PDB file of N, CA and C in Angstrom:
ATOM      1  N   TYR A   1      13.201  50.090   3.376  1.00  0.00           N
ATOM      2  CA  TYR A   1      13.623  50.386   5.154  1.00  0.00           C
ATOM      3  C   TYR A   1      13.419  48.818   5.366  1.00  0.00           C
ATOM      4  N   PRO A   2      14.000  48.702   6.582  1.00  0.00           N
ATOM      5  CA  PRO A   2      13.900  47.489   7.545  1.00  0.00           C
ATOM      6  C   PRO A   2      12.437  47.749   8.426  1.00  0.00           C
ATOM      7  N   GLY A   3      11.602  46.456   8.707  1.00  0.00           N
ATOM      8  CA  GLY A   3      10.662  46.855   9.504  1.00  0.00           C
ATOM      9  C   GLY A   3       9.062  47.274   8.309  1.00  0.00           C
ATOM     10  N   GLU A   4       9.127  47.761   7.173  1.00  0.00           N
ATOM     11  CA  GLU A   4       8.757  48.579   6.327  1.00  0.00           C
ATOM     12  C   GLU A   4       7.485  47.308   5.140  1.00  0.00           C
ATOM     13  N   ALA A   5       6.293  47.175   5.148  1.00  0.00           N
ATOM     14  CA  ALA A   5       5.813  46.309   4.174  1.00  0.00           C
ATOM     15  C   ALA A   5       6.640  46.079   3.137  1.00  0.00           C
ATOM     16  N   THR A   6       6.375  45.088   2.232  1.00  0.00           N
ATOM     17  CA  THR A   6       7.205  45.089   1.183  1.00  0.00           C
ATOM     18  C   THR A   6       6.171  45.520  -0.245  1.00  0.00           C
ATOM     19  N   ARG A   7       6.713  46.429  -0.882  1.00  0.00           N
ATOM     20  CA  ARG A   7       5.501  47.099  -1.966  1.00  0.00           C
ATOM     21  C   ARG A   7       5.809  47.042  -3.168  1.00  0.00           C
ATOM     22  N   VAL A   8       4.626  46.990  -4.072  1.00  0.00           N
ATOM     23  CA  VAL A   8       5.228  47.000  -5.451  1.00  0.00           C
ATOM     24  C   VAL A   8       4.350  47.690  -6.538  1.00  0.00           C
ATOM     25  N   GLN A   9       5.314  48.699  -7.184  1.00  0.00           N
ATOM     26  CA  GLN A   9       4.592  49.091  -8.217  1.00  0.00           C
ATOM     27  C   GLN A   9       4.686  49.317  -9.632  1.00  0.00           C
ATOM     28  N   THR A  10       3.431  49.446  -9.969  1.00  0.00           N
ATOM     29  CA  THR A  10       3.432  48.648 -11.793  1.00  0.00           C
ATOM     30  C   THR A  10       3.199  49.951 -12.536  1.00  0.00           C
ATOM     31  N   ILE A  11       4.071  50.452 -13.415  1.00  0.00           N
ATOM     32  CA  ILE A  11       3.320  51.444 -14.540  1.00  0.00           C
ATOM     33  C   ILE A  11       3.069  50.945 -15.664  1.00  0.00           C
ATOM     34  N   ILE A  12       1.905  51.400 -15.919  1.00  0.00           N
ATOM     35  CA  ILE A  12       1.241  50.791 -17.080  1.00  0.00           C
ATOM     36  C   ILE A  12       0.822  51.704 -18.343  1.00  0.00           C
ATOM     37  N   SER A  13       1.278  52.063 -18.918  1.00  0.00           N
ATOM     38  CA  SER A  13       1.418  52.849 -20.035  1.00  0.00           C
ATOM     39  C   SER A  13       1.091  52.436 -21.611  1.00  0.00           C
ATOM     40  N   TRP A  14      -0.224  53.144 -22.454  1.00  0.00           N
ATOM     41  CA  TRP A  14      -0.734  52.699 -23.635  1.00  0.00           C
ATOM     42  C   TRP A  14      -0.904  54.098 -24.431  1.00  0.00           C
ATOM     43  N   GLU A  15      -0.838  53.401 -25.947  1.00  0.00           N
ATOM     44  CA  GLU A  15      -1.978  54.712 -26.417  1.00  0.00           C
ATOM     45  C   GLU A  15      -2.807  54.099 -27.109  1.00  0.00           C
ATOM     46  N   THR A  16      -3.949  55.371 -27.350  1.00  0.00           N
ATOM     47  CA  THR A  16      -5.026  55.325 -28.369  1.00  0.00           C
ATOM     48  C   THR A  16      -5.258  55.825 -29.569  1.00  0.00           C
ATOM     49  N   ASP A  17      -5.715  55.515 -30.550  1.00  0.00           N
ATOM     50  CA  ASP A  17      -5.739  56.370 -31.653  1.00  0.00           C
ATOM     51  C   ASP A  17      -6.481  57.995 -31.998  1.00  0.00           C
ATOM     52  N   GLU A  18      -7.658  57.773 -30.844  1.00  0.00           N
ATOM     53  CA  GLU A  18      -8.458  58.811 -30.919  1.00  0.00           C
ATOM     54  C   GLU A  18      -8.634  59.027 -29.006  1.00  0.00           C
ATOM     55  N   GLN A  19      -9.017  60.617 -28.914  1.00  0.00           N
ATOM     56  CA  GLN A  19      -9.297  60.487 -27.016  1.00  0.00           C
ATOM     57  C   GLN A  19     -10.054  59.811 -26.597  1.00  0.00           C
ATOM     58  N   ALA A  20      -9.905  59.063 -25.821  1.00  0.00           N
ATOM     59  CA  ALA A  20     -11.393  58.363 -25.011  1.00  0.00           C
ATOM     60  C   ALA A  20     -10.174  58.036 -23.499  1.00  0.00           C
ATOM     61  N   ILE A  21     -11.347  57.396 -22.701  1.00  0.00           N
ATOM     62  CA  ILE A  21     -11.258  57.636 -21.220  1.00  0.00           C
ATOM     63  C   ILE A  21     -11.456  56.244 -20.856  1.00  0.00           C
ATOM     64  N   CYS A  22      -9.974  55.824 -20.050  1.00  0.00           N
ATOM     65  CA  CYS A  22      -9.460  54.313 -19.826  1.00  0.00           C
ATOM     66  C   CYS A  22     -10.109  53.748 -18.678  1.00  0.00           C
ATOM     67  N   GLN A  23      -9.930  52.812 -18.292  1.00  0.00           N
ATOM     68  CA  GLN A  23      -9.954  51.783 -17.124  1.00  0.00           C
ATOM     69  C   GLN A  23      -8.845  50.779 -17.043  1.00  0.00           C
ATOM     70  N   LEU A  24      -8.573  50.564 -16.129  1.00  0.00           N
ATOM     71  CA  LEU A  24      -7.187  49.391 -16.101  1.00  0.00           C
ATOM     72  C   LEU A  24      -8.336  48.698 -15.019  1.00  0.00           C
ATOM     73  N   PHE A  25      -8.414  47.066 -15.365  1.00  0.00           N
ATOM     74  CA  PHE A  25      -9.095  46.558 -14.767  1.00  0.00           C
ATOM     75  C   PHE A  25      -8.339  45.332 -14.191  1.00  0.00           C
ATOM     76  N   TYR A  26      -7.864  44.120 -13.404  1.00  0.00           N
ATOM     77  CA  TYR A  26      -7.011  42.939 -12.930  1.00  0.00           C
ATOM     78  C   TYR A  26      -7.922  42.078 -11.716  1.00  0.00           C
ATOM     79  N   HIS A  27      -6.952  40.785 -12.033  1.00  0.00           N
ATOM     80  CA  HIS A  27      -7.670  40.345 -10.922  1.00  0.00           C
ATOM     81  C   HIS A  27      -6.436  39.345 -10.371  1.00  0.00           C
ATOM     82  N   GLN A  28      -6.140  38.779  -9.497  1.00  0.00           N
ATOM     83  CA  GLN A  28      -5.269  37.771  -8.956  1.00  0.00           C
ATOM     84  C   GLN A  28      -5.139  36.254  -9.910  1.00  0.00           C
ATOM     85  N   GLY A  29      -3.647  36.139 -10.506  1.00  0.00           N
ATOM     86  CA  GLY A  29      -3.683  35.133 -10.643  1.00  0.00           C
ATOM     87  C   GLY A  29      -4.609  34.669 -12.268  1.00  0.00           C
ATOM     88  N   ILE A  30      -4.463  33.425 -12.888  1.00  0.00           N
ATOM     89  CA  ILE A  30      -4.671  33.208 -14.590  1.00  0.00           C
ATOM     90  C   ILE A  30      -5.715  32.902 -14.364  1.00  0.00           C
ATOM     91  N   GLY A  31      -6.795  32.373 -13.594  1.00  0.00           N
ATOM     92  CA  GLY A  31      -7.806  31.577 -13.828  1.00  0.00           C
ATOM     93  C   GLY A  31      -9.118  32.783 -13.764  1.00  0.00           C
ATOM     94  N   LYS A  32      -9.710  32.134 -14.001  1.00  0.00           N
ATOM     95  CA  LYS A  32     -11.217  32.942 -14.163  1.00  0.00           C
ATOM     96  C   LYS A  32     -11.661  32.726 -12.979  1.00  0.00           C
ATOM     97  N   GLY A  33     -12.688  33.279 -12.213  1.00  0.00           N
ATOM     98  CA  GLY A  33     -13.619  33.426 -11.331  1.00  0.00           C
ATOM     99  C   GLY A  33     -12.661  33.949 -10.009  1.00  0.00           C
ATOM    100  N   ALA A  34     -11.647  34.671 -10.073  1.00  0.00           N
ATOM    101  CA  ALA A  34     -11.020  35.542  -9.345  1.00  0.00           C
ATOM    102  C   ALA A  34     -11.415  37.037  -9.300  1.00  0.00           C
ATOM    103  N   GLU A  35     -11.753  37.409  -8.338  1.00  0.00           N
ATOM    104  CA  GLU A  35     -12.449  38.546  -7.784  1.00  0.00           C
ATOM    105  C   GLU A  35     -11.986  39.721  -8.508  1.00  0.00           C
ATOM    106  N   LEU A  36     -12.633  40.119  -9.525  1.00  0.00           N
ATOM    107  CA  LEU A  36     -11.878  41.250 -10.385  1.00  0.00           C
ATOM    108  C   LEU A  36     -12.238  42.878  -9.501  1.00  0.00           C
ATOM    109  N   GLU A  37     -10.580  43.612  -9.524  1.00  0.00           N
ATOM    110  CA  GLU A  37     -10.792  44.557  -9.095  1.00  0.00           C
ATOM    111  C   GLU A  37     -10.351  45.651 -10.230  1.00  0.00           C
ATOM    112  N   SER A  38     -10.548  47.210  -9.861  1.00  0.00           N
ATOM    113  CA  SER A  38     -10.245  48.288 -11.015  1.00  0.00           C
ATOM    114  C   SER A  38      -9.658  49.542 -10.360  1.00  0.00           C
ATOM    115  N   LEU A  39      -8.992  49.735 -11.019  1.00  0.00           N
ATOM    116  CA  LEU A  39      -8.740  51.449 -10.602  1.00  0.00           C
ATOM    117  C   LEU A  39      -9.362  52.197 -10.955  1.00  0.00           C
ATOM    118  N   PRO A  40      -9.361  53.445 -10.730  1.00  0.00           N
ATOM    119  CA  PRO A  40     -10.661  54.768 -11.042  1.00  0.00           C
ATOM    120  C   PRO A  40     -10.928  54.748 -12.691  1.00  0.00           C
ATOM    121  N   ALA A  41     -11.483  54.956 -13.413  1.00  0.00           N
ATOM    122  CA  ALA A  41     -11.465  55.652 -14.575  1.00  0.00           C
ATOM    123  C   ALA A  41     -10.568  56.881 -14.639  1.00  0.00           C
ATOM    124  N   GLU A  42     -10.230  57.079 -15.826  1.00  0.00           N
ATOM    125  CA  GLU A  42      -9.495  58.255 -16.019  1.00  0.00           C
ATOM    126  C   GLU A  42     -10.621  59.709 -16.161  1.00  0.00           C
ATOM    127  N   PRO A  43      -9.907  60.491 -15.576  1.00  0.00           N
ATOM    128  CA  PRO A  43     -11.021  61.694 -15.649  1.00  0.00           C
ATOM    129  C   PRO A  43     -11.701  62.268 -16.704  1.00  0.00           C
ATOM    130  N   PHE A  44     -10.164  62.710 -17.828  1.00  0.00           N
ATOM    131  CA  PHE A  44     -10.668  63.253 -19.347  1.00  0.00           C
ATOM    132  C   PHE A  44     -10.110  62.293 -20.431  1.00  0.00           C
ATOM    133  N   PRO A  45     -10.652  62.437 -21.382  1.00  0.00           N
ATOM    134  CA  PRO A  45     -10.424  61.708 -22.659  1.00  0.00           C
ATOM    135  C   PRO A  45      -9.188  62.141 -22.823  1.00  0.00           C
ATOM    136  N   THR A  46      -8.403  61.183 -23.488  1.00  0.00           N
ATOM    137  CA  THR A  46      -6.758  61.298 -24.179  1.00  0.00           C
ATOM    138  C   THR A  46      -6.040  60.144 -24.715  1.00  0.00           C
ATOM    139  N   THR A  47      -5.078  60.596 -25.131  1.00  0.00           N
ATOM    140  CA  THR A  47      -4.305  59.849 -26.747  1.00  0.00           C
ATOM    141  C   THR A  47      -3.540  59.008 -25.690  1.00  0.00           C
ATOM    142  N   ARG A  48      -2.718  59.403 -24.509  1.00  0.00           N
ATOM    143  CA  ARG A  48      -1.818  59.209 -23.788  1.00  0.00           C
ATOM    144  C   ARG A  48      -2.147  58.856 -22.627  1.00  0.00           C
ATOM    145  N   HIS A  49      -2.106  57.387 -22.188  1.00  0.00           N
ATOM    146  CA  HIS A  49      -2.438  57.082 -21.215  1.00  0.00           C
ATOM    147  C   HIS A  49      -1.491  56.286 -20.357  1.00  0.00           C
ATOM    148  N   VAL A  50      -1.435  56.289 -18.576  1.00  0.00           N
ATOM    149  CA  VAL A  50      -0.620  56.035 -17.542  1.00  0.00           C
ATOM    150  C   VAL A  50      -1.277  55.718 -16.424  1.00  0.00           C
ATOM    151  N   GLN A  51      -1.219  54.362 -16.064  1.00  0.00           N
ATOM    152  CA  GLN A  51      -2.097  53.833 -15.043  1.00  0.00           C
ATOM    153  C   GLN A  51      -0.870  53.628 -14.023  1.00  0.00           C
ATOM    154  N   VAL A  52      -0.770  53.138 -12.834  1.00  0.00           N
ATOM    155  CA  VAL A  52       0.168  53.150 -11.219  1.00  0.00           C
ATOM    156  C   VAL A  52      -0.480  52.402 -10.576  1.00  0.00           C
ATOM    157  N   VAL A  53      -0.120  51.438 -10.646  1.00  0.00           N
ATOM    158  CA  VAL A  53      -1.020  50.190  -9.590  1.00  0.00           C
ATOM    159  C   VAL A  53      -0.050  49.907  -8.944  1.00  0.00           C
ATOM    160  N   THR A  54      -0.436  50.463  -7.127  1.00  0.00           N
ATOM    161  CA  THR A  54       0.796  49.971  -5.678  1.00  0.00           C
ATOM    162  C   THR A  54      -0.224  48.954  -5.592  1.00  0.00           C
ATOM    163  N   ALA A  55      -1.439  48.285  -5.891  1.00  0.00           N
ATOM    164  CA  ALA A  55      -2.068  47.531  -4.869  1.00  0.00           C
ATOM    165  C   ALA A  55      -1.682  45.844  -5.181  1.00  0.00           C
ATOM    166  N   PHE A  56      -0.348  45.597  -6.266  1.00  0.00           N
ATOM    167  CA  PHE A  56      -0.053  44.312  -6.250  1.00  0.00           C
ATOM    168  C   PHE A  56       0.608  43.560  -5.751  1.00  0.00           C
ATOM    169  N   ALA A  57       0.705  42.446  -5.233  1.00  0.00           N
ATOM    170  CA  ALA A  57       1.549  41.667  -4.124  1.00  0.00           C
ATOM    171  C   ALA A  57       2.584  41.415  -4.720  1.00  0.00           C
ATOM    172  N   PRO A  58       4.149  41.464  -3.874  1.00  0.00           N
ATOM    173  CA  PRO A  58       5.127  40.996  -4.646  1.00  0.00           C
ATOM    174  C   PRO A  58       5.172  39.284  -4.482  1.00  0.00           C
ATOM    175  N   ALA A  59       5.897  39.146  -6.004  1.00  0.00           N
ATOM    176  CA  ALA A  59       5.848  37.283  -6.213  1.00  0.00           C
ATOM    177  C   ALA A  59       4.306  36.817  -6.508  1.00  0.00           C
ATOM    178  N   THR A  60       3.543  37.369  -7.568  1.00  0.00           N
ATOM    179  CA  THR A  60       2.137  36.927  -7.355  1.00  0.00           C
ATOM    180  C   THR A  60       1.688  37.526  -8.888  1.00  0.00           C
ATOM    181  N   VAL A  61       1.025  36.491  -9.592  1.00  0.00           N
ATOM    182  CA  VAL A  61       0.544  36.735 -10.590  1.00  0.00           C
ATOM    183  C   VAL A  61      -0.496  37.496 -11.192  1.00  0.00           C
ATOM    184  N   TYR A  62      -0.424  38.290 -11.729  1.00  0.00           N
ATOM    185  CA  TYR A  62      -1.745  39.243 -11.940  1.00  0.00           C
ATOM    186  C   TYR A  62      -2.360  39.257 -13.692  1.00  0.00           C
ATOM    187  N   MET A  63      -3.442  39.043 -13.694  1.00  0.00           N
ATOM    188  CA  MET A  63      -3.983  39.431 -15.361  1.00  0.00           C
ATOM    189  C   MET A  63      -4.741  40.590 -15.486  1.00  0.00           C
ATOM    190  N   PHE A  64      -4.331  41.437 -16.223  1.00  0.00           N
ATOM    191  CA  PHE A  64      -4.823  42.647 -16.678  1.00  0.00           C
ATOM    192  C   PHE A  64      -5.044  43.312 -18.087  1.00  0.00           C
ATOM    193  N   TRP A  65      -5.844  44.102 -17.862  1.00  0.00           N
ATOM    194  CA  TRP A  65      -6.741  44.422 -19.416  1.00  0.00           C
ATOM    195  C   TRP A  65      -7.303  45.614 -19.458  1.00  0.00           C
ATOM    196  N   ILE A  66      -7.292  46.382 -20.154  1.00  0.00           N
ATOM    197  CA  ILE A  66      -7.285  48.073 -20.005  1.00  0.00           C
ATOM    198  C   ILE A  66      -9.279  48.008 -21.280  1.00  0.00           C
ATOM    199  N   GLU A  67     -10.266  48.695 -20.522  1.00  0.00           N
ATOM    200  CA  GLU A  67     -11.206  49.099 -21.610  1.00  0.00           C
ATOM    201  C   GLU A  67     -11.713  50.486 -21.775  1.00  0.00           C
ATOM    202  N   CYS A  68     -11.581  51.331 -22.783  1.00  0.00           N
ATOM    203  CA  CYS A  68     -11.938  52.630 -23.337  1.00  0.00           C
ATOM    204  C   CYS A  68     -13.341  52.811 -23.675  1.00  0.00           C
ATOM    205  N   LEU A  69     -13.653  53.915 -23.531  1.00  0.00           N
ATOM    206  CA  LEU A  69     -14.266  54.306 -24.639  1.00  0.00           C
ATOM    207  C   LEU A  69     -14.411  56.254 -24.619  1.00  0.00           C
ATOM    208  N   ASP A  70     -14.694  55.869 -26.416  1.00  0.00           N
ATOM    209  CA  ASP A  70     -14.242  57.595 -26.883  1.00  0.00           C
ATOM    210  C   ASP A  70     -15.403  57.974 -26.919  1.00  0.00           C
ATOM    211  N   ARG A  71     -14.913  59.382 -27.428  1.00  0.00           N
ATOM    212  CA  ARG A  71     -16.401  60.817 -27.384  1.00  0.00           C
ATOM    213  C   ARG A  71     -17.431  59.774 -28.193  1.00  0.00           C
ATOM    214  N   ALA A  72     -17.586  58.610 -28.839  1.00  0.00           N
ATOM    215  CA  ALA A  72     -18.637  58.567 -29.532  1.00  0.00           C
ATOM    216  C   ALA A  72     -19.117  57.400 -28.859  1.00  0.00           C
ATOM    217  N   GLU A  73     -18.553  56.949 -27.845  1.00  0.00           N
ATOM    218  CA  GLU A  73     -19.092  56.170 -26.991  1.00  0.00           C
ATOM    219  C   GLU A  73     -18.595  54.453 -27.631  1.00  0.00           C
ATOM    220  N   ASN A  74     -17.989  54.342 -28.496  1.00  0.00           N
ATOM    221  CA  ASN A  74     -17.897  53.044 -28.918  1.00  0.00           C
ATOM    222  C   ASN A  74     -16.473  52.317 -27.779  1.00  0.00           C
ATOM    223  N   LYS A  75     -16.649  51.488 -27.505  1.00  0.00           N
ATOM    224  CA  LYS A  75     -16.048  51.186 -26.345  1.00  0.00           C
ATOM    225  C   LYS A  75     -15.024  49.355 -26.989  1.00  0.00           C
ATOM    226  N   SER A  76     -14.005  49.705 -26.678  1.00  0.00           N
ATOM    227  CA  SER A  76     -12.942  48.758 -26.560  1.00  0.00           C
ATOM    228  C   SER A  76     -12.547  48.190 -25.558  1.00  0.00           C
ATOM    229  N   LYS A  77     -11.684  46.660 -25.428  1.00  0.00           N
ATOM    230  CA  LYS A  77     -11.110  46.444 -24.554  1.00  0.00           C
ATOM    231  C   LYS A  77      -9.589  45.669 -25.536  1.00  0.00           C
ATOM    232  N   SER A  78      -8.629  46.204 -24.407  1.00  0.00           N
ATOM    233  CA  SER A  78      -7.462  45.281 -24.824  1.00  0.00           C
ATOM    234  C   SER A  78      -7.782  43.676 -24.791  1.00  0.00           C
ATOM    235  N   GLU A  79      -6.091  43.236 -24.995  1.00  0.00           N
ATOM    236  CA  GLU A  79      -6.151  41.696 -24.672  1.00  0.00           C
ATOM    237  C   GLU A  79      -5.711  41.668 -23.587  1.00  0.00           C
ATOM    238  N   ASP A  80      -5.550  40.295 -22.922  1.00  0.00           N
ATOM    239  CA  ASP A  80      -5.457  40.190 -21.396  1.00  0.00           C
ATOM    240  C   ASP A  80      -4.041  40.116 -21.600  1.00  0.00           C
ATOM    241  N   PHE A  81      -3.189  40.530 -20.637  1.00  0.00           N
ATOM    242  CA  PHE A  81      -1.851  40.351 -20.215  1.00  0.00           C
ATOM    243  C   PHE A  81      -1.656  39.998 -18.780  1.00  0.00           C
ATOM    244  N   ALA A  82      -0.559  39.316 -18.507  1.00  0.00           N
ATOM    245  CA  ALA A  82      -0.275  38.600 -17.100  1.00  0.00           C
ATOM    246  C   ALA A  82       1.632  39.256 -17.149  1.00  0.00           C
TER     247      ALA A  82
END
């Protein structure tokens, strides 16, 4: 709409082989030392995960990754994505 701020919506989905609670972490740019931000951790363990990010600025590169914790408290981290 004219006069409205430009918004970016990014939908990120993934699956885990066990039920887990996951959290998405991200920072602006691809270099080290940028301010780390995150979405809230999921409320319930599941194997199918979806996060919707509305905080990304247009025409900007972000680095993001997922960290998950299963019921046995095994923690894993995905590779980094840009």
